[in-house]
């Protein structure tokens, strides 16, 4: 198997199996490193966080309250994982029926700061995203929307855009 520049196969005595090592960056990984541009994709997502998310807060909760609002925004998300999934499924249905687009929904509903860009995460390669997100995104065809995907950040809908 041909490897990208600066990568080599090494053997772990601890786990008694081969791994991949980048001699330049010192990165090590069990999976083979990506080969060239065809391993680079682009995706957008809509993220709904829940109280057990890695960082259970949202840019939406940090906004200044409206002048006439009697309550201050909550800085910590209190919804359950099940509630987050139900919210995401409602958005998924609206997207699939053509009522809205992922970009439009992400702009106002996503708990990720990428909402400012319609959920666009830009280009990325394997190893840059959380594994469940990465696996789902790389399995999609361009233009295809994922089913809900759970990560440590919350629950996502992913649209592969390139």
Protein backbone atom coordinates (compact mmCIF):
# COMPACT_ATOMS: atom_id res chain seq x y z
CA UNK A 1 0.00 0.00 0.00
CA UNK A 2 1.35 3.40 -0.99
CA UNK A 3 1.24 6.03 1.78
CA UNK A 4 1.18 9.83 1.59
CA UNK A 5 4.49 11.66 2.05
CA UNK A 6 5.97 11.49 5.59
CA UNK A 7 3.80 8.51 6.62
CA UNK A 8 5.12 5.07 7.53
CA UNK A 9 3.81 1.87 9.06
CA UNK A 10 5.05 1.03 12.54
CA UNK A 11 4.25 -1.82 14.90
CA UNK A 12 2.76 -1.40 18.37
CA UNK A 13 4.23 -3.90 20.80
CA UNK A 14 1.59 -2.93 23.37
CA UNK A 15 -1.35 -3.81 21.09
CA UNK A 16 0.55 -6.18 18.79
CA UNK A 17 -0.72 -4.53 15.63
CA UNK A 18 0.47 -2.09 12.98
CA UNK A 19 -0.29 1.62 13.05
CA UNK A 20 0.47 4.63 10.86
CA UNK A 21 2.94 7.32 11.92
CA UNK A 22 3.66 10.71 10.36
CA UNK A 23 7.38 11.40 10.79
CA UNK A 24 6.87 15.14 10.22
CA UNK A 25 3.89 15.91 12.48
CA UNK A 26 4.38 12.95 14.89
CA UNK A 27 0.69 12.07 14.44
CA UNK A 28 -0.17 8.41 14.89
CA UNK A 29 -3.38 6.65 13.93
CA UNK A 30 -4.78 3.14 13.57
CA UNK A 31 -6.57 3.86 10.28
CA UNK A 32 -4.59 4.57 7.10
CA UNK A 33 -3.99 8.28 6.45
CA UNK A 34 -6.04 9.92 3.69
CA UNK A 35 -4.66 9.77 0.17
CA UNK A 36 -4.84 13.03 -1.76
CA UNK A 37 -7.74 15.33 -2.54
CA UNK A 38 -10.34 12.61 -3.09
CA UNK A 39 -10.38 12.04 0.69
CA UNK A 40 -11.32 15.67 1.33
CA UNK A 41 -15.02 16.54 1.53
CA UNK A 42 -17.21 19.48 2.45
CA UNK A 43 -20.31 19.33 4.58
CA UNK A 44 -22.85 21.45 6.41
CA UNK A 45 -24.71 20.43 9.52
CA UNK A 46 -27.46 21.32 11.92
CA UNK A 47 -26.52 20.57 15.54
CA UNK A 48 -28.95 20.25 18.43
CA UNK A 49 -27.19 20.03 21.77
CA UNK A 50 -28.54 18.50 24.97
CA UNK A 51 -27.61 18.66 28.65
CA UNK A 52 -25.10 15.81 28.27
CA UNK A 53 -23.30 17.42 25.32
CA UNK A 54 -19.60 18.12 25.62
CA UNK A 55 -20.33 21.85 25.92
CA UNK A 56 -24.04 22.23 26.71
CA UNK A 57 -24.35 25.85 25.63
CA UNK A 58 -25.37 27.55 22.41
CA UNK A 59 -24.60 30.82 20.69
CA UNK A 60 -28.39 31.33 20.67
CA UNK A 61 -28.58 31.35 24.47
CA UNK A 62 -25.80 33.95 24.65
CA UNK A 63 -27.72 36.58 22.70
CA UNK A 64 -28.84 39.71 24.49
CA UNK A 65 -32.47 39.32 25.57
CA UNK A 66 -35.09 41.39 23.78
CA UNK A 67 -35.87 44.73 25.36
CA UNK A 68 -39.31 43.60 26.48
CA UNK A 69 -38.31 40.09 27.54
CA UNK A 70 -38.82 39.31 31.21
CA UNK A 71 -36.46 36.37 31.29
CA UNK A 72 -32.74 36.21 30.66
CA UNK A 73 -31.40 33.64 28.21
CA UNK A 74 -30.16 30.39 29.71
CA UNK A 75 -26.48 29.84 29.20
CA UNK A 76 -26.73 26.08 29.78
CA UNK A 77 -28.85 23.78 27.66
CA UNK A 78 -31.21 21.71 29.79
CA UNK A 79 -33.00 19.54 27.20
CA UNK A 80 -32.52 15.76 27.24
CA UNK A 81 -30.88 13.74 24.49
CA UNK A 82 -34.33 12.42 23.54
CA UNK A 83 -35.75 15.95 23.31
CA UNK A 84 -32.79 17.02 21.13
CA UNK A 85 -33.44 14.08 18.81
CA UNK A 86 -37.14 14.97 18.51
CA UNK A 87 -36.27 18.59 17.64
CA UNK A 88 -33.77 17.41 15.03
CA UNK A 89 -36.29 14.98 13.51
CA UNK A 90 -38.78 17.85 13.08
CA UNK A 91 -36.12 19.82 11.20
CA UNK A 92 -35.24 16.74 9.15
CA UNK A 93 -38.87 16.33 8.08
CA UNK A 94 -39.11 20.01 7.08
CA UNK A 95 -35.91 19.68 5.02
CA UNK A 96 -36.97 16.41 3.37
CA UNK A 97 -40.38 17.83 2.39
CA UNK A 98 -38.79 20.93 0.87
CA UNK A 99 -40.36 23.31 3.40
CA UNK A 100 -36.85 24.58 4.22
CA UNK A 101 -33.21 23.83 3.47
CA UNK A 102 -30.55 22.61 5.85
CA UNK A 103 -28.74 25.92 5.40
CA UNK A 104 -31.80 27.97 6.31
CA UNK A 105 -32.67 25.76 9.29
CA UNK A 106 -29.08 25.74 10.54
CA UNK A 107 -28.88 29.54 10.37
CA UNK A 108 -31.58 29.96 13.01
CA UNK A 109 -31.81 26.59 14.76
CA UNK A 110 -28.33 25.07 15.02
CA UNK A 111 -26.52 25.24 18.37
CA UNK A 112 -23.16 25.34 16.55
CA UNK A 113 -21.44 28.62 15.76
CA UNK A 114 -21.32 27.43 12.12
CA UNK A 115 -24.96 28.63 12.02
CA UNK A 116 -23.55 31.99 10.89
CA UNK A 117 -22.45 30.21 7.70
CA UNK A 118 -25.65 28.21 7.23
CA UNK A 119 -24.02 25.26 8.99
CA UNK A 120 -21.11 25.11 6.52
CA UNK A 121 -18.06 23.42 8.05
CA UNK A 122 -15.84 23.91 5.01
CA UNK A 123 -13.54 21.19 3.65
CA UNK A 124 -12.13 18.55 5.97
CA UNK A 125 -10.27 15.26 5.83
CA UNK A 126 -10.55 12.10 7.86
CA UNK A 127 -9.27 12.54 11.37
CA UNK A 128 -10.48 16.14 11.76
CA UNK A 129 -14.02 15.51 13.04
CA UNK A 130 -15.45 13.30 15.76
CA UNK A 131 -15.50 9.71 14.48
CA UNK A 132 -19.31 9.20 14.27
CA UNK A 133 -19.66 12.52 12.40
CA UNK A 134 -16.76 11.70 10.10
CA UNK A 135 -18.04 8.19 9.32
CA UNK A 136 -21.51 9.52 8.48
CA UNK A 137 -20.23 12.47 6.40
CA UNK A 138 -17.81 10.38 4.33
CA UNK A 139 -20.53 7.75 3.68
CA UNK A 140 -22.84 10.34 2.11
CA UNK A 141 -23.01 11.17 -1.58
CA UNK A 142 -22.77 14.86 -2.54
CA UNK A 143 -26.21 16.40 -1.94
CA UNK A 144 -27.33 13.61 0.40
CA UNK A 145 -28.72 14.32 3.89
CA UNK A 146 -27.84 12.00 6.77
CA UNK A 147 -30.09 10.45 9.34
CA UNK A 148 -29.53 11.85 12.88
CA UNK A 149 -25.93 11.31 14.03
CA UNK A 150 -24.95 11.35 17.70
CA UNK A 151 -21.55 12.68 18.80
CA UNK A 152 -20.18 14.08 22.05
CA UNK A 153 -21.33 17.50 20.80
CA UNK A 154 -25.00 16.54 20.41
CA UNK A 155 -27.13 15.24 17.55
CA UNK A 156 -26.52 16.33 13.94
CA UNK A 157 -28.08 16.32 10.53
CA UNK A 158 -25.29 16.36 7.95
CA UNK A 159 -25.50 17.45 4.33
CA UNK A 160 -22.51 16.58 2.16
CA UNK A 161 -21.93 19.50 -0.18
CA UNK A 162 -18.71 18.49 -1.99
